[in-house]
Amino acid sequence: MADAKVIPFDDDRSRGSGAGGAQRPGRRRGASGRRAGSGGGAGELGEVQRLPGRGPERAEEPVERPGPGASGGLEQRVAAGLAFLRRRLTGEYEVDDFGYDAELTDQVLMSLLRPVYEKYFRVDVKGIENIPDKGGALIVANHSGTLPLDGLMMQVAVHDRHPAGRHLRLLAADLVFVLPVVNELARKLGHTLACAEDAERLLEQGELVGVMPEGFKGIGKPFGERYKLQRFGRGGFVSTALRQGVPIIPCSIVGAEEIYPMIGNAKTLARLLGFPYFPLTPTFPWLGPLGAVPLPTKWTIQFGEPIPTDGYPPEAAEDPMLMFNLTDQVREQIQHTLYKLLVQRRSVFF
């Protein structure tokens, strides 16, 4: 595998064909790719009204409706499932310019991630009301855990807990888009390269965008440095938010640091494989595939109060001092919330 090259988020250059061979897929449309609305079924029968001039003794009995457990609900689910399979087989579904497949994400991928979110990590979500119901916003979170499961859990939290059911579009390093299978799944889930061009396009379209500025420094740090934020780069995410005038929402994630306690790094093996690091944990690689199972820690995800950017003039995006101050403000808010959540936590696993 070729050496992974991380595209700096604050690099304003167009990525062209993309590093590492990551190509943006074309847009496909199908005639029946849109999901059907909820009002497409037959109307329900109400109670039969009494005829004029008839007394109560002549009134007809109301029509009996089937209960919620009737076979009609099962038949509808089976029909919807068959229609979904037909659209997948015939290609009559839609993806956007970034490869995001909303139908597949809602009906399949989220269903696969949800048991991990609800039953395994038992994620508690706080401050979901700080995410706007519509319009662009940039969520900035800490990054940890050796493998980037924290981004996926944050994506499920926004999708399932937000009243508007919003989708979070995550920005990822180019290594994600050169790995087989992972590349396709990431595109389908709405992930894209962590470059300013893609981030600005998504925000301009009113999307909710997530970024983890620590990058590999965050998920690959030793266990002894857990919950200590790494450097946030040169403030590229702040510049992007200022250009689009969208709020910045700090996000703090507790629990991910302990799923793979990284006690060592096989740097030589990492270079041979083209990885930024090769983790050594108490169970991996000593227990083989079993050692790759994450520990069932208890998670908390807290979304902080938004930091507005729409009050700054357009040229503010080029002011290095302002970008430094806002970057430091976001970082300090995330770090302070992490410490507060750690003090409140009863146990790593409960």
Protein backbone atom coordinates (compact mmCIF):
# COMPACT_ATOMS: atom_id res chain seq x y z
CA MET A 1 0.00 0.00 0.00
CA ALA A 2 1.29 3.44 -0.88
CA ASP A 3 2.20 5.77 1.95
CA ALA A 4 -0.82 7.60 3.27
CA LYS A 5 -0.78 11.32 2.70
CA VAL A 6 -3.02 13.52 4.83
CA ILE A 7 -4.41 16.54 3.02
CA PRO A 8 -4.30 19.53 5.38
CA PHE A 9 -7.81 20.79 6.07
CA ASP A 10 -6.64 24.36 5.77
CA ASP A 11 -5.14 23.84 2.33
CA ASP A 12 -7.29 25.99 0.00
CA ARG A 13 -6.02 24.36 -3.15
CA SER A 14 -8.39 22.34 -5.24
CA ARG A 15 -7.64 18.67 -4.84
CA GLY A 16 -8.16 17.90 -8.53
CA SER A 17 -8.13 14.17 -8.95
CA GLY A 18 -7.42 13.64 -5.24
CA ALA A 19 -4.40 12.26 -3.47
CA GLY A 20 -3.78 8.61 -3.23
CA GLY A 21 -6.03 7.86 -6.19
CA ALA A 22 -9.26 8.90 -4.39
CA GLN A 23 -11.68 9.94 -7.09
CA ARG A 24 -15.02 11.63 -6.54
CA PRO A 25 -17.71 9.41 -8.04
CA GLY A 26 -20.12 10.79 -10.59
CA ARG A 27 -23.73 11.50 -9.80
CA ARG A 28 -26.25 8.83 -10.63
CA ARG A 29 -29.97 9.38 -10.84
CA GLY A 30 -32.83 6.99 -11.21
CA ALA A 31 -36.42 7.55 -12.13
CA SER A 32 -37.72 5.93 -8.96
CA GLY A 33 -34.75 6.58 -6.69
CA ARG A 34 -36.58 8.99 -4.40
CA ARG A 35 -38.15 7.65 -1.27
CA ALA A 36 -41.93 7.58 -1.27
CA GLY A 37 -43.75 9.96 1.05
CA SER A 38 -45.80 8.82 3.99
CA GLY A 39 -49.08 9.92 2.45
CA GLY A 40 -49.07 7.48 -0.43
CA GLY A 41 -51.26 4.80 1.21
CA ALA A 42 -55.00 4.33 0.99
CA GLY A 43 -57.18 6.47 3.25
CA GLU A 44 -58.61 5.03 6.45
CA LEU A 45 -62.33 4.51 6.95
CA GLY A 46 -63.89 6.56 9.70
CA GLU A 47 -66.95 5.71 11.74
CA VAL A 48 -70.21 5.32 9.78
CA GLN A 49 -72.37 8.38 10.39
CA ARG A 50 -75.99 8.07 11.45
CA LEU A 51 -78.49 8.64 8.64
CA PRO A 52 -80.79 11.70 8.98
CA GLY A 53 -84.03 10.95 10.70
CA ARG A 54 -82.87 7.63 12.15
CA GLY A 55 -82.90 7.10 15.88
CA PRO A 56 -80.07 5.71 17.95
CA GLU A 57 -81.62 2.28 17.76
CA ARG A 58 -81.14 2.21 13.98
CA ALA A 59 -77.55 3.46 13.94
CA GLU A 60 -75.09 1.20 12.21
CA GLU A 61 -72.11 -0.25 14.08
CA PRO A 62 -68.75 1.51 13.49
CA VAL A 63 -66.35 -0.14 11.14
CA GLU A 64 -63.76 -2.24 13.00
CA ARG A 65 -60.19 -1.26 12.12
CA PRO A 66 -57.31 -3.72 12.32
CA GLY A 67 -55.02 -3.29 15.29
CA PRO A 68 -51.34 -2.32 15.06
CA GLY A 69 -50.30 -5.97 15.17
CA ALA A 70 -52.31 -6.92 12.10
CA SER A 71 -50.70 -8.47 9.07
CA GLY A 72 -51.07 -5.23 7.10
CA GLY A 73 -48.03 -3.72 8.85
CA LEU A 74 -45.90 -6.75 8.05
CA GLU A 75 -47.05 -6.73 4.43
CA GLN A 76 -46.11 -3.07 4.11
CA ARG A 77 -42.66 -3.70 5.53
CA VAL A 78 -42.09 -6.63 3.19
CA ALA A 79 -43.28 -4.54 0.22
CA ALA A 80 -41.00 -1.67 1.21
CA GLY A 81 -38.06 -4.06 1.56
CA LEU A 82 -38.69 -5.59 -1.86
CA ALA A 83 -39.00 -2.14 -3.43
CA PHE A 84 -35.69 -1.17 -1.82
CA LEU A 85 -33.96 -4.27 -3.23
CA ARG A 86 -35.42 -3.61 -6.68
CA ARG A 87 -34.05 -0.06 -6.70
CA ARG A 88 -30.61 -1.28 -5.61
CA LEU A 89 -30.51 -3.98 -8.29
CA THR A 90 -31.73 -1.72 -11.10
CA GLY A 91 -29.65 1.30 -10.07
CA GLU A 92 -32.73 3.50 -9.66
CA TYR A 93 -31.47 5.42 -6.66
CA GLU A 94 -29.63 8.69 -6.13
CA VAL A 95 -26.23 9.68 -4.79
CA ASP A 96 -24.95 13.24 -4.60
CA ASP A 97 -21.75 14.63 -6.09
CA PHE A 98 -19.74 13.29 -3.15
CA GLY A 99 -21.12 9.74 -3.39
CA TYR A 100 -23.52 10.09 -0.44
CA ASP A 101 -26.39 7.57 -0.59
CA ALA A 102 -29.12 8.81 1.77
CA GLU A 103 -31.44 5.83 1.30
CA LEU A 104 -28.74 3.23 1.91
CA THR A 105 -27.50 5.17 4.94
CA ASP A 106 -30.96 5.45 6.52
CA GLN A 107 -32.19 1.93 5.85
CA VAL A 108 -29.03 -0.19 6.09
CA LEU A 109 -25.84 1.46 7.37
CA MET A 110 -27.45 3.25 10.32
CA SER A 111 -29.25 0.03 11.24
CA LEU A 112 -25.88 -1.73 11.42
CA LEU A 113 -24.24 0.98 13.52
CA ARG A 114 -27.20 1.53 15.86
CA PRO A 115 -26.77 -1.64 17.99
CA VAL A 116 -23.13 -0.70 18.62
CA TYR A 117 -24.23 2.81 19.57
CA GLU A 118 -27.15 1.77 21.80
CA LYS A 119 -26.17 -1.61 23.26
CA TYR A 120 -22.37 -1.82 23.17
CA PHE A 121 -21.15 1.70 23.92
CA ARG A 122 -24.50 2.85 25.43
CA VAL A 123 -23.94 6.42 24.29
CA ASP A 124 -25.43 9.30 26.28
CA VAL A 125 -25.97 12.48 24.26
CA LYS A 126 -26.10 15.95 25.76
CA GLY A 127 -26.67 19.36 24.18
CA ILE A 128 -28.25 18.07 20.98
CA GLU A 129 -30.43 21.20 21.00
CA ASN A 130 -27.31 23.25 20.21
CA ILE A 131 -27.34 21.87 16.66
CA PRO A 132 -29.57 24.01 14.41
CA ASP A 133 -32.60 22.42 12.76
CA LYS A 134 -31.53 23.61 9.32
CA GLY A 135 -28.73 25.41 7.55
CA GLY A 136 -25.00 24.86 7.56
CA ALA A 137 -22.98 24.35 10.74
CA LEU A 138 -19.53 23.00 11.54
CA ILE A 139 -19.18 20.50 14.40
CA VAL A 140 -15.62 20.30 15.77
CA ALA A 141 -14.82 17.31 18.01
CA ASN A 142 -11.90 15.66 19.76
CA HIS A 143 -10.51 12.52 18.12
CA SER A 144 -9.37 9.35 19.90
CA GLY A 145 -9.59 5.59 20.13
CA THR A 146 -6.90 4.17 17.78
CA LEU A 147 -9.64 3.44 15.21
CA PRO A 148 -12.03 6.29 14.25
CA LEU A 149 -15.19 4.81 15.74
CA ASP A 150 -15.89 8.10 17.52
CA GLY A 151 -16.81 9.79 14.24
CA LEU A 152 -19.30 7.04 13.39
CA MET A 153 -20.92 7.18 16.84
CA MET A 154 -21.20 10.96 16.57
CA GLN A 155 -22.88 10.50 13.20
CA VAL A 156 -25.46 8.12 14.68
CA ALA A 157 -26.05 10.47 17.63
CA VAL A 158 -26.91 13.38 15.34
CA HIS A 159 -29.08 11.24 13.05
CA ASP A 160 -31.08 9.53 15.80
CA ARG A 161 -31.26 12.15 18.55
CA HIS A 162 -31.71 15.40 16.67
CA PRO A 163 -35.40 16.37 16.31
CA ALA A 164 -34.87 17.15 12.62
CA GLY A 165 -33.02 13.86 12.00
CA ARG A 166 -30.09 15.67 10.41
CA HIS A 167 -27.25 13.91 8.62
CA LEU A 168 -23.66 14.65 9.65
CA ARG A 169 -21.17 14.82 6.77
CA LEU A 170 -17.76 13.91 8.16
CA LEU A 171 -14.43 15.09 6.75
CA ALA A 172 -11.85 12.28 6.67
CA ALA A 173 -8.16 11.83 5.83
CA ASP A 174 -7.32 10.51 2.36
CA LEU A 175 -6.17 7.17 3.86
CA VAL A 176 -9.86 6.33 4.30
CA PHE A 177 -10.46 6.65 0.56
CA VAL A 178 -7.66 4.34 -0.58
CA LEU A 179 -8.65 1.38 1.59
CA PRO A 180 -10.78 -1.27 -0.16
CA VAL A 181 -14.38 -1.54 1.06
CA VAL A 182 -13.81 1.26 3.58
CA ASN A 183 -13.62 3.71 0.69
CA GLU A 184 -17.07 2.76 -0.67
CA LEU A 185 -18.74 2.63 2.74
CA ALA A 186 -17.32 6.02 3.71
CA ARG A 187 -18.64 7.60 0.51
CA LYS A 188 -22.07 6.03 0.99
CA LEU A 189 -22.20 7.39 4.55
CA GLY A 190 -21.52 10.90 3.29
CA HIS A 191 -17.85 11.25 4.22
CA THR A 192 -15.50 13.25 2.03
CA LEU A 193 -11.89 14.41 1.99
CA ALA A 194 -10.82 16.83 4.71
CA CYS A 195 -10.05 19.74 2.41
CA ALA A 196 -11.39 23.28 2.46
CA GLU A 197 -12.97 22.98 -1.00
CA ASP A 198 -15.29 20.11 -0.10
CA ALA A 199 -16.11 21.55 3.32
CA GLU A 200 -17.15 24.89 1.85
CA ARG A 201 -19.32 23.24 -0.81
CA LEU A 202 -21.18 21.19 1.79
CA LEU A 203 -21.68 24.16 4.12
CA GLU A 204 -22.89 26.29 1.22
CA GLN A 205 -25.52 23.62 0.52
CA GLY A 206 -26.74 23.89 4.12
CA GLU A 207 -25.21 20.61 5.29
CA LEU A 208 -24.05 19.76 8.80
CA VAL A 209 -20.30 19.10 8.57
CA GLY A 210 -18.12 17.36 11.15
CA VAL A 211 -14.35 17.73 11.50
CA MET A 212 -11.81 16.37 13.99
CA PRO A 213 -8.78 18.67 13.68
CA GLU A 214 -6.44 16.45 15.74
CA GLY A 215 -6.39 13.91 12.91
CA PHE A 216 -3.98 10.98 13.30
CA LYS A 217 -2.30 12.76 16.21
CA GLY A 218 -5.52 12.32 18.18
CA ILE A 219 -6.48 8.73 17.47
CA GLY A 220 -2.86 7.51 17.49
CA LYS A 221 -1.69 9.04 20.77
CA PRO A 222 -0.49 6.81 23.65
CA PHE A 223 -2.93 5.76 26.34
CA GLY A 224 -1.01 7.82 28.89
CA GLU A 225 -2.02 11.00 27.03
CA ARG A 226 -5.74 10.19 26.89
CA TYR A 227 -8.13 13.14 26.92
CA LYS A 228 -5.30 15.60 26.33
CA LEU A 229 -6.09 17.42 23.11
CA GLN A 230 -3.40 17.53 20.47
CA ARG A 231 -2.64 20.50 18.24
CA PHE A 232 -5.56 21.71 16.10
CA GLY A 233 -3.45 22.70 13.10
CA ARG A 234 -3.43 26.20 11.66
CA GLY A 235 -7.14 26.92 12.10
CA GLY A 236 -8.33 25.88 8.65
CA PHE A 237 -11.77 24.88 9.96
CA VAL A 238 -12.22 28.35 11.46
CA SER A 239 -11.36 29.98 8.13
CA THR A 240 -13.93 27.80 6.36
CA ALA A 241 -16.64 28.64 8.91
CA LEU A 242 -15.88 32.36 8.59
CA ARG A 243 -16.14 32.25 4.79
CA GLN A 244 -19.56 30.60 4.97
CA GLY A 245 -20.77 32.47 8.07
CA VAL A 246 -21.85 29.26 9.82
CA PRO A 247 -21.70 28.55 13.57
CA ILE A 248 -18.95 26.37 15.06
CA ILE A 249 -20.27 23.77 17.51
CA PRO A 250 -17.65 22.25 19.87
CA CYS A 251 -18.20 18.56 20.64
CA SER A 252 -16.60 16.53 23.44
CA ILE A 253 -16.52 12.72 23.36
CA VAL A 254 -15.69 10.67 26.47
CA GLY A 255 -15.31 6.89 26.35
CA ALA A 256 -13.55 6.40 23.03
CA GLU A 257 -10.06 6.74 24.52
CA GLU A 258 -10.36 3.41 26.36
CA ILE A 259 -11.73 1.13 23.62
CA TYR A 260 -8.20 0.29 22.40
CA PRO A 261 -5.65 1.30 25.06
CA MET A 262 -2.60 2.02 22.91
CA ILE A 263 0.50 1.03 24.87
CA GLY A 264 2.95 0.90 21.96
CA ASN A 265 3.50 1.73 18.30
CA ALA A 266 5.28 -0.58 15.84
CA LYS A 267 6.67 2.21 13.66
CA THR A 268 8.64 -0.01 11.29
CA LEU A 269 5.59 -2.14 10.54
CA ALA A 270 3.50 1.01 10.12
CA ARG A 271 5.93 2.36 7.48
CA LEU A 272 5.87 -0.96 5.60
CA LEU A 273 2.07 -0.96 5.52
CA GLY A 274 1.78 2.74 4.72
CA PHE A 275 -0.09 3.51 7.95
CA PRO A 276 0.53 6.54 10.17
CA TYR A 277 0.98 4.15 13.12
CA PHE A 278 0.52 0.48 14.01
CA PRO A 279 -1.05 0.18 17.47
CA LEU A 280 -0.05 -2.27 20.14
CA THR A 281 -2.68 -2.77 22.82
CA PRO A 282 -3.05 -5.25 25.72
CA THR A 283 -5.04 -7.53 23.38
CA PHE A 284 -3.80 -6.70 19.86
CA PRO A 285 -2.07 -8.33 18.05
CA TRP A 286 -1.49 -10.91 20.80
CA LEU A 287 -5.02 -12.36 20.66
CA GLY A 288 -5.32 -12.21 16.88
CA PRO A 289 -8.73 -11.15 15.49
CA LEU A 290 -10.23 -11.29 18.98
CA GLY A 291 -7.83 -8.57 20.03
CA ALA A 292 -9.42 -6.22 17.49
CA VAL A 293 -12.73 -6.21 19.40
CA PRO A 294 -13.07 -2.85 21.20
CA LEU A 295 -13.67 -2.75 24.94
CA PRO A 296 -17.32 -2.02 25.85
CA THR A 297 -16.77 1.37 27.46
CA LYS A 298 -19.54 3.79 28.39
CA TRP A 299 -19.65 6.85 26.13
CA THR A 300 -20.88 10.41 26.51
CA ILE A 301 -21.12 12.86 23.60
CA GLN A 302 -21.80 16.49 24.49
CA PHE A 303 -22.45 19.24 21.95
CA GLY A 304 -21.51 22.66 23.29
CA GLU A 305 -23.01 26.06 22.67
CA PRO A 306 -22.49 27.34 19.11
CA ILE A 307 -19.83 29.96 18.43
CA PRO A 308 -21.30 32.33 15.80
CA THR A 309 -19.20 33.56 12.89
CA ASP A 310 -21.76 35.46 10.81
CA GLY A 311 -20.96 38.77 12.54
CA TYR A 312 -17.45 39.00 11.09
CA PRO A 313 -16.65 40.79 7.80
CA PRO A 314 -15.67 38.70 4.74
CA GLU A 315 -11.98 39.59 5.06
CA ALA A 316 -11.94 38.08 8.59
CA ALA A 317 -11.22 34.67 7.07
CA GLU A 318 -7.75 35.93 6.13
CA ASP A 319 -6.94 37.37 9.58
CA PRO A 320 -4.42 34.96 11.20
CA MET A 321 -4.83 36.44 14.68
CA LEU A 322 -8.60 36.02 14.60
CA MET A 323 -8.28 32.45 13.36
CA PHE A 324 -5.81 31.67 16.14
CA ASN A 325 -8.10 33.16 18.79
CA LEU A 326 -11.20 31.30 17.57
CA THR A 327 -9.28 28.04 17.21
CA ASP A 328 -7.98 28.39 20.75
CA GLN A 329 -11.49 29.20 22.00
CA VAL A 330 -12.94 26.05 20.41
CA ARG A 331 -10.09 23.89 21.68
CA GLU A 332 -10.34 25.23 25.23
CA GLN A 333 -14.10 24.71 25.31
CA ILE A 334 -13.73 21.07 24.19
CA GLN A 335 -10.93 20.41 26.69
CA HIS A 336 -12.82 22.00 29.58
CA THR A 337 -15.92 19.92 28.80
CA LEU A 338 -13.83 16.75 28.62
CA TYR A 339 -12.47 17.37 32.11
CA LYS A 340 -15.97 18.09 33.42
CA LEU A 341 -17.39 14.89 31.91
CA LEU A 342 -14.49 12.84 33.31
CA VAL A 343 -15.14 14.16 36.82
CA GLN A 344 -18.83 13.25 36.49
CA ARG A 345 -18.12 9.77 35.11
CA ARG A 346 -18.68 6.97 37.64
CA SER A 347 -16.76 4.28 35.76
CA VAL A 348 -15.10 3.59 32.43
CA PHE A 349 -17.58 0.78 31.73
CA PHE A 350 -20.76 1.88 33.54
